[in-house]
């Protein structure tokens, strides 16, 4: 193996969860968190923000042969803070500003000084998503129909 190749470290589950929440955060939530940040670091773009397509693959029954399901529009951005942290943001859709802000908060989550603000943002996003899922489950339950079979006697 070439000594120049960098060994990849295993993914950090906490960061993976945070990036998932940042991808589902609204633009208003991200803008409000950025505006509330007292000590804003300088942000330098590394890549994007840009919008493109990715191929979505599926498997029949979850374990069959893979097939191309179709394409999905995604936006992504990579930034570097003036303090050296690099952040990535990826999300479905065409909102480049959301991708850029998600990348900024990903980088901020790696700084000890901003971890509290980022965790507060992630908590608000998780709470909103939980409420939306609960509301959707209640709406679905309200339209649920229970079917039963009646057994008729011999006439």
C-alpha atoms as a PDB file:
ATOM      1  CA  UNK A   1       0.000   0.000   0.000  1.00  0.00           C
ATOM      2  CA  UNK A   2       1.253   3.451  -0.900  1.00  0.00           C
ATOM      3  CA  UNK A   3       2.404   5.454   2.128  1.00  0.00           C
ATOM      4  CA  UNK A   4       0.837   8.575   0.620  1.00  0.00           C
ATOM      5  CA  UNK A   5      -2.675   7.127   0.833  1.00  0.00           C
ATOM      6  CA  UNK A   6      -4.441   8.261   3.944  1.00  0.00           C
ATOM      7  CA  UNK A   7      -6.194   5.603   6.010  1.00  0.00           C
ATOM      8  CA  UNK A   8      -9.880   6.405   6.331  1.00  0.00           C
ATOM      9  CA  UNK A   9     -11.205   6.467   9.855  1.00  0.00           C
ATOM     10  CA  UNK A  10     -14.570   4.874  10.623  1.00  0.00           C
ATOM     11  CA  UNK A  11     -17.510   7.292  10.438  1.00  0.00           C
ATOM     12  CA  UNK A  12     -18.448   9.078  13.642  1.00  0.00           C
ATOM     13  CA  UNK A  13     -22.068   8.098  14.471  1.00  0.00           C
ATOM     14  CA  UNK A  14     -22.725  11.385  16.304  1.00  0.00           C
ATOM     15  CA  UNK A  15     -21.536  13.421  13.316  1.00  0.00           C
ATOM     16  CA  UNK A  16     -23.568  11.242  10.944  1.00  0.00           C
ATOM     17  CA  UNK A  17     -26.678  11.893  13.042  1.00  0.00           C
ATOM     18  CA  UNK A  18     -25.914  15.625  13.183  1.00  0.00           C
ATOM     19  CA  UNK A  19     -25.437  15.839   9.415  1.00  0.00           C
ATOM     20  CA  UNK A  20     -28.756  14.041   8.921  1.00  0.00           C
ATOM     21  CA  UNK A  21     -30.530  16.566  11.134  1.00  0.00           C
ATOM     22  CA  UNK A  22     -28.785  19.485   9.412  1.00  0.00           C
ATOM     23  CA  UNK A  23     -29.960  18.146   6.038  1.00  0.00           C
ATOM     24  CA  UNK A  24     -33.558  18.242   7.304  1.00  0.00           C
ATOM     25  CA  UNK A  25     -33.297  21.654   8.987  1.00  0.00           C
ATOM     26  CA  UNK A  26     -35.292  24.467   7.413  1.00  0.00           C
ATOM     27  CA  UNK A  27     -33.641  27.578   6.031  1.00  0.00           C
ATOM     28  CA  UNK A  28     -35.325  29.633   8.772  1.00  0.00           C
ATOM     29  CA  UNK A  29     -33.902  27.382  11.512  1.00  0.00           C
ATOM     30  CA  UNK A  30     -30.397  27.595  10.050  1.00  0.00           C
ATOM     31  CA  UNK A  31     -30.576  31.376   9.482  1.00  0.00           C
ATOM     32  CA  UNK A  32     -31.858  31.967  13.023  1.00  0.00           C
ATOM     33  CA  UNK A  33     -29.064  29.858  14.525  1.00  0.00           C
ATOM     34  CA  UNK A  34     -26.449  31.670  12.413  1.00  0.00           C
ATOM     35  CA  UNK A  35     -27.849  35.094  13.383  1.00  0.00           C
ATOM     36  CA  UNK A  36     -27.815  34.119  17.084  1.00  0.00           C
ATOM     37  CA  UNK A  37     -24.161  33.053  16.925  1.00  0.00           C
ATOM     38  CA  UNK A  38     -22.133  35.629  18.843  1.00  0.00           C
ATOM     39  CA  UNK A  39     -18.646  34.798  17.551  1.00  0.00           C
ATOM     40  CA  UNK A  40     -18.983  34.087  13.832  1.00  0.00           C
ATOM     41  CA  UNK A  41     -15.805  32.676  12.297  1.00  0.00           C
ATOM     42  CA  UNK A  42     -14.726  33.565   8.779  1.00  0.00           C
ATOM     43  CA  UNK A  43     -16.079  31.053   6.262  1.00  0.00           C
ATOM     44  CA  UNK A  44     -14.197  30.123   3.082  1.00  0.00           C
ATOM     45  CA  UNK A  45     -15.865  28.082   0.330  1.00  0.00           C
ATOM     46  CA  UNK A  46     -14.025  24.919  -0.719  1.00  0.00           C
ATOM     47  CA  UNK A  47     -16.656  23.490  -3.066  1.00  0.00           C
ATOM     48  CA  UNK A  48     -20.007  24.884  -4.125  1.00  0.00           C
ATOM     49  CA  UNK A  49     -22.636  25.293  -3.089  1.00  0.00           C
ATOM     50  CA  UNK A  50     -23.765  23.397  -6.152  1.00  0.00           C
ATOM     51  CA  UNK A  51     -26.767  21.407  -7.307  1.00  0.00           C
ATOM     52  CA  UNK A  52     -26.701  18.168  -9.258  1.00  0.00           C
ATOM     53  CA  UNK A  53     -28.256  14.753  -9.649  1.00  0.00           C
ATOM     54  CA  UNK A  54     -27.561  11.447  -7.965  1.00  0.00           C
ATOM     55  CA  UNK A  55     -28.784   8.038  -9.044  1.00  0.00           C
ATOM     56  CA  UNK A  56     -31.081   6.428  -6.503  1.00  0.00           C
ATOM     57  CA  UNK A  57     -30.675   2.662  -6.382  1.00  0.00           C
ATOM     58  CA  UNK A  58     -33.108   0.173  -4.943  1.00  0.00           C
ATOM     59  CA  UNK A  59     -33.383  -3.535  -4.208  1.00  0.00           C
ATOM     60  CA  UNK A  60     -36.506  -5.595  -4.610  1.00  0.00           C
ATOM     61  CA  UNK A  61     -37.489  -6.847  -1.187  1.00  0.00           C
ATOM     62  CA  UNK A  62     -34.506  -5.086   0.348  1.00  0.00           C
ATOM     63  CA  UNK A  63     -32.123  -7.900  -0.556  1.00  0.00           C
ATOM     64  CA  UNK A  64     -32.563  -8.578  -4.263  1.00  0.00           C
ATOM     65  CA  UNK A  65     -30.426  -7.440  -7.145  1.00  0.00           C
ATOM     66  CA  UNK A  66     -29.861  -3.672  -7.219  1.00  0.00           C
ATOM     67  CA  UNK A  67     -31.566  -1.598  -9.896  1.00  0.00           C
ATOM     68  CA  UNK A  68     -31.591   2.090 -10.842  1.00  0.00           C
ATOM     69  CA  UNK A  69     -34.771   3.595  -9.444  1.00  0.00           C
ATOM     70  CA  UNK A  70     -34.283   7.110 -10.794  1.00  0.00           C
ATOM     71  CA  UNK A  71     -32.466  10.381 -10.201  1.00  0.00           C
ATOM     72  CA  UNK A  72     -32.807  12.790  -7.290  1.00  0.00           C
ATOM     73  CA  UNK A  73     -31.779  16.438  -7.167  1.00  0.00           C
ATOM     74  CA  UNK A  74     -29.266  17.227  -4.424  1.00  0.00           C
ATOM     75  CA  UNK A  75     -27.341  20.276  -3.268  1.00  0.00           C
ATOM     76  CA  UNK A  76     -23.985  20.153  -1.546  1.00  0.00           C
ATOM     77  CA  UNK A  77     -21.357  22.475  -0.172  1.00  0.00           C
ATOM     78  CA  UNK A  78     -17.982  22.181   1.515  1.00  0.00           C
ATOM     79  CA  UNK A  79     -16.528  25.033   3.560  1.00  0.00           C
ATOM     80  CA  UNK A  80     -13.454  25.699   5.680  1.00  0.00           C
ATOM     81  CA  UNK A  81     -13.560  27.914   8.746  1.00  0.00           C
ATOM     82  CA  UNK A  82     -10.756  30.378   9.416  1.00  0.00           C
ATOM     83  CA  UNK A  83      -9.834  28.140  12.378  1.00  0.00           C
ATOM     84  CA  UNK A  84      -9.253  25.157  10.036  1.00  0.00           C
ATOM     85  CA  UNK A  85     -12.345  22.980  10.514  1.00  0.00           C
ATOM     86  CA  UNK A  86     -13.916  21.636   7.313  1.00  0.00           C
ATOM     87  CA  UNK A  87     -17.657  21.121   7.064  1.00  0.00           C
ATOM     88  CA  UNK A  88     -19.844  19.362   4.519  1.00  0.00           C
ATOM     89  CA  UNK A  89     -23.528  19.835   3.789  1.00  0.00           C
ATOM     90  CA  UNK A  90     -25.659  17.645   1.519  1.00  0.00           C
ATOM     91  CA  UNK A  91     -29.432  17.643   1.140  1.00  0.00           C
ATOM     92  CA  UNK A  92     -32.203  16.728  -1.238  1.00  0.00           C
ATOM     93  CA  UNK A  93     -33.466  19.592  -3.370  1.00  0.00           C
ATOM     94  CA  UNK A  94     -32.021  22.723  -4.903  1.00  0.00           C
ATOM     95  CA  UNK A  95     -31.548  24.991  -1.881  1.00  0.00           C
ATOM     96  CA  UNK A  96     -27.873  25.963  -2.136  1.00  0.00           C
ATOM     97  CA  UNK A  97     -28.016  28.342   0.840  1.00  0.00           C
ATOM     98  CA  UNK A  98     -29.338  25.571   3.098  1.00  0.00           C
ATOM     99  CA  UNK A  99     -26.468  23.318   1.939  1.00  0.00           C
ATOM    100  CA  UNK A 100     -23.936  26.069   2.682  1.00  0.00           C
ATOM    101  CA  UNK A 101     -25.354  26.744   6.152  1.00  0.00           C
ATOM    102  CA  UNK A 102     -25.508  23.007   6.905  1.00  0.00           C
ATOM    103  CA  UNK A 103     -21.808  22.792   5.988  1.00  0.00           C
ATOM    104  CA  UNK A 104     -21.023  25.730   8.274  1.00  0.00           C
ATOM    105  CA  UNK A 105     -22.802  24.125  11.229  1.00  0.00           C
ATOM    106  CA  UNK A 106     -21.087  20.800  10.493  1.00  0.00           C
ATOM    107  CA  UNK A 107     -17.746  22.596  10.790  1.00  0.00           C
ATOM    108  CA  UNK A 108     -18.882  24.495  13.899  1.00  0.00           C
ATOM    109  CA  UNK A 109     -19.844  21.193  15.539  1.00  0.00           C
ATOM    110  CA  UNK A 110     -16.168  20.235  15.420  1.00  0.00           C
ATOM    111  CA  UNK A 111     -15.153  23.315  17.464  1.00  0.00           C
ATOM    112  CA  UNK A 112     -15.333  23.117  21.239  1.00  0.00           C
ATOM    113  CA  UNK A 113     -16.404  26.761  21.491  1.00  0.00           C
ATOM    114  CA  UNK A 114     -19.515  26.340  19.322  1.00  0.00           C
ATOM    115  CA  UNK A 115     -20.647  22.839  20.236  1.00  0.00           C
ATOM    116  CA  UNK A 116     -23.365  24.125  22.596  1.00  0.00           C
ATOM    117  CA  UNK A 117     -24.993  26.327  19.942  1.00  0.00           C
ATOM    118  CA  UNK A 118     -24.895  23.525  17.359  1.00  0.00           C
ATOM    119  CA  UNK A 119     -26.392  21.021  19.816  1.00  0.00           C
ATOM    120  CA  UNK A 120     -29.185  23.505  20.594  1.00  0.00           C
ATOM    121  CA  UNK A 121     -29.949  23.834  16.877  1.00  0.00           C
ATOM    122  CA  UNK A 122     -29.915  20.045  16.431  1.00  0.00           C
ATOM    123  CA  UNK A 123     -32.249  19.683  19.421  1.00  0.00           C
ATOM    124  CA  UNK A 124     -34.751  22.138  17.919  1.00  0.00           C
ATOM    125  CA  UNK A 125     -34.655  20.364  14.550  1.00  0.00           C
ATOM    126  CA  UNK A 126     -35.079  16.926  16.164  1.00  0.00           C
ATOM    127  CA  UNK A 127     -38.015  18.206  18.243  1.00  0.00           C
ATOM    128  CA  UNK A 128     -39.735  19.679  15.155  1.00  0.00           C
ATOM    129  CA  UNK A 129     -39.239  16.458  13.200  1.00  0.00           C
ATOM    130  CA  UNK A 130     -40.599  14.404  16.101  1.00  0.00           C
ATOM    131  CA  UNK A 131     -43.708  16.607  16.304  1.00  0.00           C
ATOM    132  CA  UNK A 132     -44.237  16.334  12.533  1.00  0.00           C
ATOM    133  CA  UNK A 133     -43.925  12.536  12.651  1.00  0.00           C
ATOM    134  CA  UNK A 134     -46.317  12.323  15.623  1.00  0.00           C
ATOM    135  CA  UNK A 135     -48.863  14.565  13.844  1.00  0.00           C
ATOM    136  CA  UNK A 136     -48.596  12.487  10.677  1.00  0.00           C
ATOM    137  CA  UNK A 137     -49.073   9.256  12.662  1.00  0.00           C
ATOM    138  CA  UNK A 138     -52.172  10.728  14.353  1.00  0.00           C
ATOM    139  CA  UNK A 139     -53.633  11.791  10.995  1.00  0.00           C
ATOM    140  CA  UNK A 140     -52.977   8.342   9.581  1.00  0.00           C
ATOM    141  CA  UNK A 141     -54.484   6.609  12.627  1.00  0.00           C
ATOM    142  CA  UNK A 142     -57.644   8.737  12.298  1.00  0.00           C
ATOM    143  CA  UNK A 143     -58.274   7.310   8.826  1.00  0.00           C
ATOM    144  CA  UNK A 144     -57.483   3.714   9.745  1.00  0.00           C
ATOM    145  CA  UNK A 145     -60.157   1.183   8.890  1.00  0.00           C
ATOM    146  CA  UNK A 146     -60.337  -2.115  10.773  1.00  0.00           C
ATOM    147  CA  UNK A 147     -61.620  -4.919   8.614  1.00  0.00           C
ATOM    148  CA  UNK A 148     -63.014  -8.070  10.089  1.00  0.00           C
ATOM    149  CA  UNK A 149     -64.566 -11.211   8.735  1.00  0.00           C
ATOM    150  CA  UNK A 150     -68.026 -12.210   9.734  1.00  0.00           C
ATOM    151  CA  UNK A 151     -68.719 -15.886   9.870  1.00  0.00           C
ATOM    152  CA  UNK A 152     -72.153 -16.729   8.638  1.00  0.00           C
ATOM    153  CA  UNK A 153     -73.982 -19.746   9.881  1.00  0.00           C
ATOM    154  CA  UNK A 154     -75.255 -22.441   7.561  1.00  0.00           C
ATOM    155  CA  UNK A 155     -78.682 -21.562   6.273  1.00  0.00           C
END
